[in-house]
Amino acid sequence: MKATFHPVWKQVTPELAQEVLAFWKQHHAIGDEVVAHARAEQVVCLARDDAGVLCGVGTAVLKVLPRLRQPMYYYRQFFAKTLRGQQQELVFFQTCKQVLHTYNQALAQAESLGILLEIENAKIAHAYNQAIVPGFDAVFIGYSPRGLQLRVSYFDAATLLTPAPLRMQALPGGRAATR
Protein backbone atom coordinates (compact mmCIF):
# COMPACT_ATOMS: atom_id res chain seq x y z
CA MET A 1 0.00 0.00 0.00
CA LYS A 2 1.24 3.47 -0.83
CA ALA A 3 -0.22 6.21 1.31
CA THR A 4 -0.76 9.85 0.45
CA PHE A 5 0.56 12.47 2.84
CA HIS A 6 -1.38 15.52 3.95
CA PRO A 7 0.28 18.46 5.76
CA VAL A 8 -1.90 19.91 8.54
CA TRP A 9 0.66 21.72 10.73
CA LYS A 10 -1.04 24.54 12.65
CA GLN A 11 -4.34 23.70 10.86
CA VAL A 12 -5.78 20.96 13.08
CA THR A 13 -9.55 21.39 13.31
CA PRO A 14 -11.60 19.91 16.17
CA GLU A 15 -12.96 17.31 13.72
CA LEU A 16 -9.48 16.33 12.59
CA ALA A 17 -8.30 16.12 16.21
CA GLN A 18 -11.19 13.73 16.94
CA GLU A 19 -10.26 11.57 13.94
CA VAL A 20 -6.64 11.40 15.13
CA LEU A 21 -7.72 10.56 18.69
CA ALA A 22 -9.96 7.76 17.40
CA PHE A 23 -7.08 6.45 15.25
CA TRP A 24 -4.68 6.36 18.20
CA LYS A 25 -7.31 4.72 20.41
CA GLN A 26 -8.13 2.07 17.78
CA HIS A 27 -4.43 1.19 17.46
CA HIS A 28 -3.61 1.47 21.19
CA ALA A 29 -0.97 4.10 20.37
CA ILE A 30 -1.35 6.51 23.29
CA GLY A 31 -2.79 5.24 26.56
CA ASP A 32 -3.07 8.54 28.42
CA GLU A 33 -6.07 10.52 27.18
CA VAL A 34 -4.68 13.88 28.35
CA VAL A 35 -1.43 13.24 26.47
CA ALA A 36 -3.36 12.14 23.39
CA HIS A 37 -5.47 15.33 23.37
CA ALA A 38 -2.38 17.52 23.69
CA ARG A 39 -0.56 15.62 20.97
CA ALA A 40 -3.53 15.82 18.59
CA GLU A 41 -2.90 19.57 18.43
CA GLN A 42 0.72 18.88 17.36
CA VAL A 43 -0.02 17.00 14.12
CA VAL A 44 2.34 17.88 11.28
CA CYS A 45 1.15 15.45 8.57
CA LEU A 46 -1.34 12.64 8.11
CA ALA A 47 -1.01 9.54 5.97
CA ARG A 48 -4.13 8.17 4.31
CA ASP A 49 -4.65 4.97 2.36
CA ASP A 50 -6.33 4.71 -1.05
CA ALA A 51 -9.77 4.80 0.59
CA GLY A 52 -8.89 7.98 2.52
CA VAL A 53 -8.62 6.12 5.84
CA LEU A 54 -6.13 7.54 8.30
CA CYS A 55 -3.13 5.19 8.57
CA GLY A 56 -0.29 7.38 9.88
CA VAL A 57 0.32 10.48 11.97
CA GLY A 58 3.43 12.62 12.51
CA THR A 59 3.53 15.10 15.40
CA ALA A 60 6.00 17.68 16.65
CA VAL A 61 6.41 19.93 19.65
CA LEU A 62 9.10 22.50 20.35
CA LYS A 63 11.57 21.35 23.03
CA VAL A 64 15.00 22.30 24.26
CA LEU A 65 17.30 19.37 24.96
CA PRO A 66 19.45 20.51 27.92
CA ARG A 67 22.70 19.30 26.34
CA LEU A 68 22.02 21.14 23.05
CA ARG A 69 20.46 24.24 24.63
CA GLN A 70 18.78 24.88 21.29
CA PRO A 71 15.09 24.58 20.38
CA MET A 72 14.21 21.57 18.25
CA TYR A 73 10.96 20.04 17.09
CA TYR A 74 10.63 16.81 19.07
CA TYR A 75 9.11 14.55 16.44
CA ARG A 76 7.06 11.35 16.69
CA GLN A 77 5.31 9.26 14.09
CA PHE A 78 2.94 6.35 14.33
CA PHE A 79 1.75 4.06 11.55
CA ALA A 80 -1.10 1.58 11.53
CA LYS A 81 0.04 -2.01 10.96
CA THR A 82 -1.28 -1.80 7.39
CA LEU A 83 1.32 0.87 6.56
CA ARG A 84 4.29 -0.60 8.44
CA GLY A 85 6.93 -2.29 6.33
CA GLN A 86 5.72 -0.55 3.18
CA GLN A 87 8.85 1.63 2.85
CA GLN A 88 6.87 4.74 3.82
CA GLU A 89 8.55 5.62 7.15
CA LEU A 90 11.47 7.62 5.75
CA VAL A 91 9.54 9.46 3.04
CA PHE A 92 6.83 10.37 5.58
CA PHE A 93 9.48 11.68 7.98
CA GLN A 94 11.08 13.69 5.16
CA THR A 95 7.70 15.16 4.22
CA CYS A 96 7.04 16.20 7.82
CA LYS A 97 10.54 17.68 8.08
CA GLN A 98 9.93 19.76 4.95
CA VAL A 99 6.61 21.03 6.33
CA LEU A 100 8.30 22.08 9.59
CA HIS A 101 11.26 23.60 7.75
CA THR A 102 9.00 25.66 5.48
CA TYR A 103 6.99 26.86 8.48
CA ASN A 104 10.12 27.72 10.43
CA GLN A 105 11.63 29.64 7.49
CA ALA A 106 8.48 31.77 7.18
CA LEU A 107 8.74 33.00 10.78
CA ALA A 108 10.26 36.42 11.46
CA GLN A 109 12.62 34.67 13.89
CA ALA A 110 13.33 30.95 13.50
CA GLU A 111 12.04 28.91 16.45
CA SER A 112 13.89 25.65 15.76
CA LEU A 113 17.15 24.34 14.30
CA GLY A 114 15.55 21.12 13.09
CA ILE A 115 14.08 17.86 14.34
CA LEU A 116 14.95 15.79 17.40
CA LEU A 117 14.14 12.08 17.19
CA GLU A 118 14.04 9.56 20.02
CA ILE A 119 14.04 6.19 18.28
CA GLU A 120 11.55 4.02 20.19
CA ASN A 121 11.16 1.23 17.61
CA ALA A 122 13.83 -1.44 18.25
CA LYS A 123 13.84 -2.57 14.60
CA ILE A 124 14.47 0.96 13.37
CA ALA A 125 17.15 1.55 16.02
CA HIS A 126 18.88 -1.66 14.92
CA ALA A 127 18.64 -0.73 11.23
CA TYR A 128 20.04 2.74 11.92
CA ASN A 129 23.10 1.69 13.87
CA GLN A 130 25.59 4.04 12.20
CA ALA A 131 26.28 7.51 13.59
CA ILE A 132 25.41 8.95 10.19
CA VAL A 133 23.12 6.79 8.07
CA PRO A 134 23.28 7.61 4.34
CA GLY A 135 19.90 8.88 3.15
CA PHE A 136 18.42 9.29 6.64
CA ASP A 137 19.68 12.83 7.31
CA ALA A 138 19.64 12.40 11.08
CA VAL A 139 22.88 12.15 13.05
CA PHE A 140 23.31 10.23 16.28
CA ILE A 141 23.89 12.53 19.29
CA GLY A 142 23.63 10.09 22.21
CA TYR A 143 21.00 8.31 24.27
CA SER A 144 17.92 9.64 26.03
CA PRO A 145 17.31 9.11 29.75
CA ARG A 146 15.12 6.19 28.62
CA GLY A 147 18.15 4.59 26.94
CA LEU A 148 16.87 5.25 23.40
CA GLN A 149 18.86 6.62 20.47
CA LEU A 150 18.66 10.38 20.03
CA ARG A 151 19.16 11.75 16.55
CA VAL A 152 19.02 15.26 15.15
CA SER A 153 18.08 16.30 11.64
CA TYR A 154 18.99 19.93 11.11
CA PHE A 155 17.18 22.24 8.73
CA ASP A 156 19.17 23.55 5.78
CA ALA A 157 21.23 26.59 6.80
CA ALA A 158 20.14 26.29 10.45
CA THR A 159 21.78 29.01 12.51
CA LEU A 160 22.38 28.65 16.23
CA LEU A 161 20.04 30.70 18.38
CA THR A 162 20.85 32.25 21.73
CA PRO A 163 21.51 29.28 24.02
CA ALA A 164 18.69 28.43 26.40
CA PRO A 165 19.67 29.04 30.03
CA LEU A 166 21.26 26.17 31.90
CA ARG A 167 19.11 24.63 34.58
CA MET A 168 20.66 24.69 38.01
CA GLN A 169 20.56 21.59 40.20
CA ALA A 170 21.45 21.53 43.88
CA LEU A 171 24.25 19.16 44.89
CA PRO A 172 24.92 17.77 48.35
CA GLY A 173 26.60 20.40 50.49
CA GLY A 174 24.68 23.28 48.96
CA ARG A 175 26.77 23.56 45.79
CA ALA A 176 25.11 24.10 42.46
CA ALA A 177 25.81 22.18 39.31
CA THR A 178 24.61 22.86 35.81
CA ARG A 179 23.22 20.24 33.51
C-alpha atoms as a PDB file:
ATOM      1  CA  MET A   1       0.000   0.000   0.000  1.00  0.00           C
ATOM      2  CA  LYS A   2       1.244   3.471  -0.831  1.00  0.00           C
ATOM      3  CA  ALA A   3      -0.223   6.206   1.309  1.00  0.00           C
ATOM      4  CA  THR A   4      -0.757   9.847   0.446  1.00  0.00           C
ATOM      5  CA  PHE A   5       0.562  12.469   2.843  1.00  0.00           C
ATOM      6  CA  HIS A   6      -1.384  15.524   3.952  1.00  0.00           C
ATOM      7  CA  PRO A   7       0.277  18.458   5.762  1.00  0.00           C
ATOM      8  CA  VAL A   8      -1.901  19.912   8.537  1.00  0.00           C
ATOM      9  CA  TRP A   9       0.663  21.718  10.731  1.00  0.00           C
ATOM     10  CA  LYS A  10      -1.042  24.537  12.651  1.00  0.00           C
ATOM     11  CA  GLN A  11      -4.339  23.697  10.862  1.00  0.00           C
ATOM     12  CA  VAL A  12      -5.783  20.962  13.076  1.00  0.00           C
ATOM     13  CA  THR A  13      -9.548  21.392  13.307  1.00  0.00           C
ATOM     14  CA  PRO A  14     -11.600  19.908  16.169  1.00  0.00           C
ATOM     15  CA  GLU A  15     -12.961  17.311  13.725  1.00  0.00           C
ATOM     16  CA  LEU A  16      -9.479  16.329  12.594  1.00  0.00           C
ATOM     17  CA  ALA A  17      -8.296  16.116  16.208  1.00  0.00           C
ATOM     18  CA  GLN A  18     -11.194  13.734  16.941  1.00  0.00           C
ATOM     19  CA  GLU A  19     -10.263  11.569  13.944  1.00  0.00           C
ATOM     20  CA  VAL A  20      -6.639  11.402  15.126  1.00  0.00           C
ATOM     21  CA  LEU A  21      -7.722  10.559  18.690  1.00  0.00           C
ATOM     22  CA  ALA A  22      -9.962   7.760  17.400  1.00  0.00           C
ATOM     23  CA  PHE A  23      -7.084   6.446  15.252  1.00  0.00           C
ATOM     24  CA  TRP A  24      -4.683   6.357  18.202  1.00  0.00           C
ATOM     25  CA  LYS A  25      -7.310   4.719  20.415  1.00  0.00           C
ATOM     26  CA  GLN A  26      -8.128   2.072  17.784  1.00  0.00           C
ATOM     27  CA  HIS A  27      -4.427   1.189  17.463  1.00  0.00           C
ATOM     28  CA  HIS A  28      -3.606   1.474  21.190  1.00  0.00           C
ATOM     29  CA  ALA A  29      -0.972   4.096  20.374  1.00  0.00           C
ATOM     30  CA  ILE A  30      -1.351   6.514  23.295  1.00  0.00           C
ATOM     31  CA  GLY A  31      -2.788   5.241  26.559  1.00  0.00           C
ATOM     32  CA  ASP A  32      -3.075   8.542  28.416  1.00  0.00           C
ATOM     33  CA  GLU A  33      -6.072  10.521  27.176  1.00  0.00           C
ATOM     34  CA  VAL A  34      -4.680  13.882  28.346  1.00  0.00           C
ATOM     35  CA  VAL A  35      -1.427  13.243  26.474  1.00  0.00           C
ATOM     36  CA  ALA A  36      -3.356  12.140  23.387  1.00  0.00           C
ATOM     37  CA  HIS A  37      -5.469  15.325  23.368  1.00  0.00           C
ATOM     38  CA  ALA A  38      -2.377  17.519  23.692  1.00  0.00           C
ATOM     39  CA  ARG A  39      -0.555  15.618  20.968  1.00  0.00           C
ATOM     40  CA  ALA A  40      -3.530  15.822  18.594  1.00  0.00           C
ATOM     41  CA  GLU A  41      -2.903  19.570  18.434  1.00  0.00           C
ATOM     42  CA  GLN A  42       0.721  18.876  17.356  1.00  0.00           C
ATOM     43  CA  VAL A  43      -0.022  16.995  14.118  1.00  0.00           C
ATOM     44  CA  VAL A  44       2.338  17.881  11.276  1.00  0.00           C
ATOM     45  CA  CYS A  45       1.146  15.452   8.574  1.00  0.00           C
ATOM     46  CA  LEU A  46      -1.338  12.644   8.111  1.00  0.00           C
ATOM     47  CA  ALA A  47      -1.009   9.543   5.969  1.00  0.00           C
ATOM     48  CA  ARG A  48      -4.130   8.173   4.312  1.00  0.00           C
ATOM     49  CA  ASP A  49      -4.650   4.965   2.359  1.00  0.00           C
ATOM     50  CA  ASP A  50      -6.327   4.707  -1.048  1.00  0.00           C
ATOM     51  CA  ALA A  51      -9.766   4.797   0.592  1.00  0.00           C
ATOM     52  CA  GLY A  52      -8.891   7.978   2.523  1.00  0.00           C
ATOM     53  CA  VAL A  53      -8.623   6.123   5.840  1.00  0.00           C
ATOM     54  CA  LEU A  54      -6.126   7.544   8.295  1.00  0.00           C
ATOM     55  CA  CYS A  55      -3.128   5.191   8.568  1.00  0.00           C
ATOM     56  CA  GLY A  56      -0.294   7.379   9.885  1.00  0.00           C
ATOM     57  CA  VAL A  57       0.319  10.484  11.965  1.00  0.00           C
ATOM     58  CA  GLY A  58       3.428  12.618  12.510  1.00  0.00           C
ATOM     59  CA  THR A  59       3.530  15.097  15.398  1.00  0.00           C
ATOM     60  CA  ALA A  60       5.999  17.677  16.650  1.00  0.00           C
ATOM     61  CA  VAL A  61       6.412  19.929  19.646  1.00  0.00           C
ATOM     62  CA  LEU A  62       9.096  22.500  20.351  1.00  0.00           C
ATOM     63  CA  LYS A  63      11.569  21.347  23.025  1.00  0.00           C
ATOM     64  CA  VAL A  64      15.004  22.298  24.258  1.00  0.00           C
ATOM     65  CA  LEU A  65      17.301  19.369  24.957  1.00  0.00           C
ATOM     66  CA  PRO A  66      19.455  20.507  27.915  1.00  0.00           C
ATOM     67  CA  ARG A  67      22.696  19.300  26.339  1.00  0.00           C
ATOM     68  CA  LEU A  68      22.021  21.140  23.054  1.00  0.00           C
ATOM     69  CA  ARG A  69      20.457  24.238  24.631  1.00  0.00           C
ATOM     70  CA  GLN A  70      18.782  24.885  21.289  1.00  0.00           C
ATOM     71  CA  PRO A  71      15.087  24.583  20.384  1.00  0.00           C
ATOM     72  CA  MET A  72      14.214  21.570  18.252  1.00  0.00           C
ATOM     73  CA  TYR A  73      10.956  20.044  17.089  1.00  0.00           C
ATOM     74  CA  TYR A  74      10.627  16.807  19.067  1.00  0.00           C
ATOM     75  CA  TYR A  75       9.108  14.548  16.438  1.00  0.00           C
ATOM     76  CA  ARG A  76       7.062  11.347  16.692  1.00  0.00           C
ATOM     77  CA  GLN A  77       5.310   9.257  14.094  1.00  0.00           C
ATOM     78  CA  PHE A  78       2.941   6.355  14.334  1.00  0.00           C
ATOM     79  CA  PHE A  79       1.745   4.062  11.553  1.00  0.00           C
ATOM     80  CA  ALA A  80      -1.105   1.575  11.534  1.00  0.00           C
ATOM     81  CA  LYS A  81       0.041  -2.009  10.956  1.00  0.00           C
ATOM     82  CA  THR A  82      -1.275  -1.803   7.387  1.00  0.00           C
ATOM     83  CA  LEU A  83       1.319   0.873   6.558  1.00  0.00           C
ATOM     84  CA  ARG A  84       4.288  -0.601   8.441  1.00  0.00           C
ATOM     85  CA  GLY A  85       6.926  -2.290   6.331  1.00  0.00           C
ATOM     86  CA  GLN A  86       5.721  -0.549   3.176  1.00  0.00           C
ATOM     87  CA  GLN A  87       8.848   1.629   2.848  1.00  0.00           C
ATOM     88  CA  GLN A  88       6.868   4.741   3.824  1.00  0.00           C
ATOM     89  CA  GLU A  89       8.550   5.618   7.147  1.00  0.00           C
ATOM     90  CA  LEU A  90      11.466   7.622   5.748  1.00  0.00           C
ATOM     91  CA  VAL A  91       9.537   9.463   3.040  1.00  0.00           C
ATOM     92  CA  PHE A  92       6.831  10.375   5.576  1.00  0.00           C
ATOM     93  CA  PHE A  93       9.483  11.684   7.982  1.00  0.00           C
ATOM     94  CA  GLN A  94      11.084  13.688   5.164  1.00  0.00           C
ATOM     95  CA  THR A  95       7.701  15.162   4.218  1.00  0.00           C
ATOM     96  CA  CYS A  96       7.044  16.200   7.819  1.00  0.00           C
ATOM     97  CA  LYS A  97      10.538  17.679   8.078  1.00  0.00           C
ATOM     98  CA  GLN A  98       9.935  19.756   4.949  1.00  0.00           C
ATOM     99  CA  VAL A  99       6.612  21.031   6.326  1.00  0.00           C
ATOM    100  CA  LEU A 100       8.299  22.082   9.585  1.00  0.00           C
ATOM    101  CA  HIS A 101      11.259  23.600   7.753  1.00  0.00           C
ATOM    102  CA  THR A 102       9.003  25.659   5.484  1.00  0.00           C
ATOM    103  CA  TYR A 103       6.987  26.857   8.480  1.00  0.00           C
ATOM    104  CA  ASN A 104      10.119  27.717  10.435  1.00  0.00           C
ATOM    105  CA  GLN A 105      11.625  29.636   7.488  1.00  0.00           C
ATOM    106  CA  ALA A 106       8.479  31.767   7.176  1.00  0.00           C
ATOM    107  CA  LEU A 107       8.740  33.002  10.778  1.00  0.00           C
ATOM    108  CA  ALA A 108      10.260  36.418  11.456  1.00  0.00           C
ATOM    109  CA  GLN A 109      12.623  34.666  13.894  1.00  0.00           C
ATOM    110  CA  ALA A 110      13.329  30.946  13.501  1.00  0.00           C
ATOM    111  CA  GLU A 111      12.039  28.913  16.447  1.00  0.00           C
ATOM    112  CA  SER A 112      13.894  25.653  15.755  1.00  0.00           C
ATOM    113  CA  LEU A 113      17.146  24.338  14.296  1.00  0.00           C
ATOM    114  CA  GLY A 114      15.546  21.115  13.092  1.00  0.00           C
ATOM    115  CA  ILE A 115      14.083  17.865  14.339  1.00  0.00           C
ATOM    116  CA  LEU A 116      14.947  15.792  17.398  1.00  0.00           C
ATOM    117  CA  LEU A 117      14.141  12.077  17.189  1.00  0.00           C
ATOM    118  CA  GLU A 118      14.041   9.561  20.019  1.00  0.00           C
ATOM    119  CA  ILE A 119      14.040   6.187  18.275  1.00  0.00           C
ATOM    120  CA  GLU A 120      11.548   4.015  20.190  1.00  0.00           C
ATOM    121  CA  ASN A 121      11.158   1.234  17.613  1.00  0.00           C
ATOM    122  CA  ALA A 122      13.826  -1.437  18.246  1.00  0.00           C
ATOM    123  CA  LYS A 123      13.839  -2.572  14.597  1.00  0.00           C
ATOM    124  CA  ILE A 124      14.468   0.962  13.367  1.00  0.00           C
ATOM    125  CA  ALA A 125      17.154   1.545  16.016  1.00  0.00           C
ATOM    126  CA  HIS A 126      18.875  -1.662  14.916  1.00  0.00           C
ATOM    127  CA  ALA A 127      18.642  -0.732  11.232  1.00  0.00           C
ATOM    128  CA  TYR A 128      20.039   2.738  11.916  1.00  0.00           C
ATOM    129  CA  ASN A 129      23.102   1.686  13.871  1.00  0.00           C
ATOM    130  CA  GLN A 130      25.587   4.041  12.204  1.00  0.00           C
ATOM    131  CA  ALA A 131      26.281   7.514  13.590  1.00  0.00           C
ATOM    132  CA  ILE A 132      25.407   8.946  10.187  1.00  0.00           C
ATOM    133  CA  VAL A 133      23.119   6.788   8.071  1.00  0.00           C
ATOM    134  CA  PRO A 134      23.279   7.606   4.344  1.00  0.00           C
ATOM    135  CA  GLY A 135      19.904   8.884   3.147  1.00  0.00           C
ATOM    136  CA  PHE A 136      18.415   9.286   6.641  1.00  0.00           C
ATOM    137  CA  ASP A 137      19.681  12.829   7.309  1.00  0.00           C
ATOM    138  CA  ALA A 138      19.640  12.403  11.085  1.00  0.00           C
ATOM    139  CA  VAL A 139      22.878  12.148  13.053  1.00  0.00           C
ATOM    140  CA  PHE A 140      23.306  10.226  16.282  1.00  0.00           C
ATOM    141  CA  ILE A 141      23.887  12.527  19.290  1.00  0.00           C
ATOM    142  CA  GLY A 142      23.627  10.085  22.209  1.00  0.00           C
ATOM    143  CA  TYR A 143      21.000   8.315  24.265  1.00  0.00           C
ATOM    144  CA  SER A 144      17.921   9.636  26.031  1.00  0.00           C
ATOM    145  CA  PRO A 145      17.311   9.114  29.753  1.00  0.00           C
ATOM    146  CA  ARG A 146      15.119   6.188  28.625  1.00  0.00           C
ATOM    147  CA  GLY A 147      18.154   4.590  26.936  1.00  0.00           C
ATOM    148  CA  LEU A 148      16.869   5.250  23.404  1.00  0.00           C
ATOM    149  CA  GLN A 149      18.858   6.619  20.467  1.00  0.00           C
ATOM    150  CA  LEU A 150      18.658  10.376  20.025  1.00  0.00           C
ATOM    151  CA  ARG A 151      19.160  11.753  16.554  1.00  0.00           C
ATOM    152  CA  VAL A 152      19.018  15.259  15.146  1.00  0.00           C
ATOM    153  CA  SER A 153      18.077  16.297  11.641  1.00  0.00           C
ATOM    154  CA  TYR A 154      18.991  19.927  11.111  1.00  0.00           C
ATOM    155  CA  PHE A 155      17.177  22.239   8.728  1.00  0.00           C
ATOM    156  CA  ASP A 156      19.171  23.549   5.783  1.00  0.00           C
ATOM    157  CA  ALA A 157      21.226  26.593   6.796  1.00  0.00           C
ATOM    158  CA  ALA A 158      20.143  26.288  10.450  1.00  0.00           C
ATOM    159  CA  THR A 159      21.784  29.011  12.511  1.00  0.00           C
ATOM    160  CA  LEU A 160      22.381  28.649  16.229  1.00  0.00           C
ATOM    161  CA  LEU A 161      20.044  30.699  18.379  1.00  0.00           C
ATOM    162  CA  THR A 162      20.849  32.248  21.734  1.00  0.00           C
ATOM    163  CA  PRO A 163      21.508  29.275  24.022  1.00  0.00           C
ATOM    164  CA  ALA A 164      18.685  28.427  26.401  1.00  0.00           C
ATOM    165  CA  PRO A 165      19.668  29.042  30.025  1.00  0.00           C
ATOM    166  CA  LEU A 166      21.259  26.167  31.895  1.00  0.00           C
ATOM    167  CA  ARG A 167      19.105  24.633  34.579  1.00  0.00           C
ATOM    168  CA  MET A 168      20.656  24.687  38.014  1.00  0.00           C
ATOM    169  CA  GLN A 169      20.564  21.590  40.199  1.00  0.00           C
ATOM    170  CA  ALA A 170      21.454  21.527  43.883  1.00  0.00           C
ATOM    171  CA  LEU A 171      24.246  19.161  44.889  1.00  0.00           C
ATOM    172  CA  PRO A 172      24.916  17.767  48.350  1.00  0.00           C
ATOM    173  CA  GLY A 173      26.601  20.400  50.494  1.00  0.00           C
ATOM    174  CA  GLY A 174      24.683  23.279  48.964  1.00  0.00           C
ATOM    175  CA  ARG A 175      26.772  23.557  45.792  1.00  0.00           C
ATOM    176  CA  ALA A 176      25.107  24.103  42.463  1.00  0.00           C
ATOM    177  CA  ALA A 177      25.814  22.184  39.310  1.00  0.00           C
ATOM    178  CA  THR A 178      24.613  22.860  35.812  1.00  0.00           C
ATOM    179  CA  ARG A 179      23.218  20.236  33.506  1.00  0.00           C
END
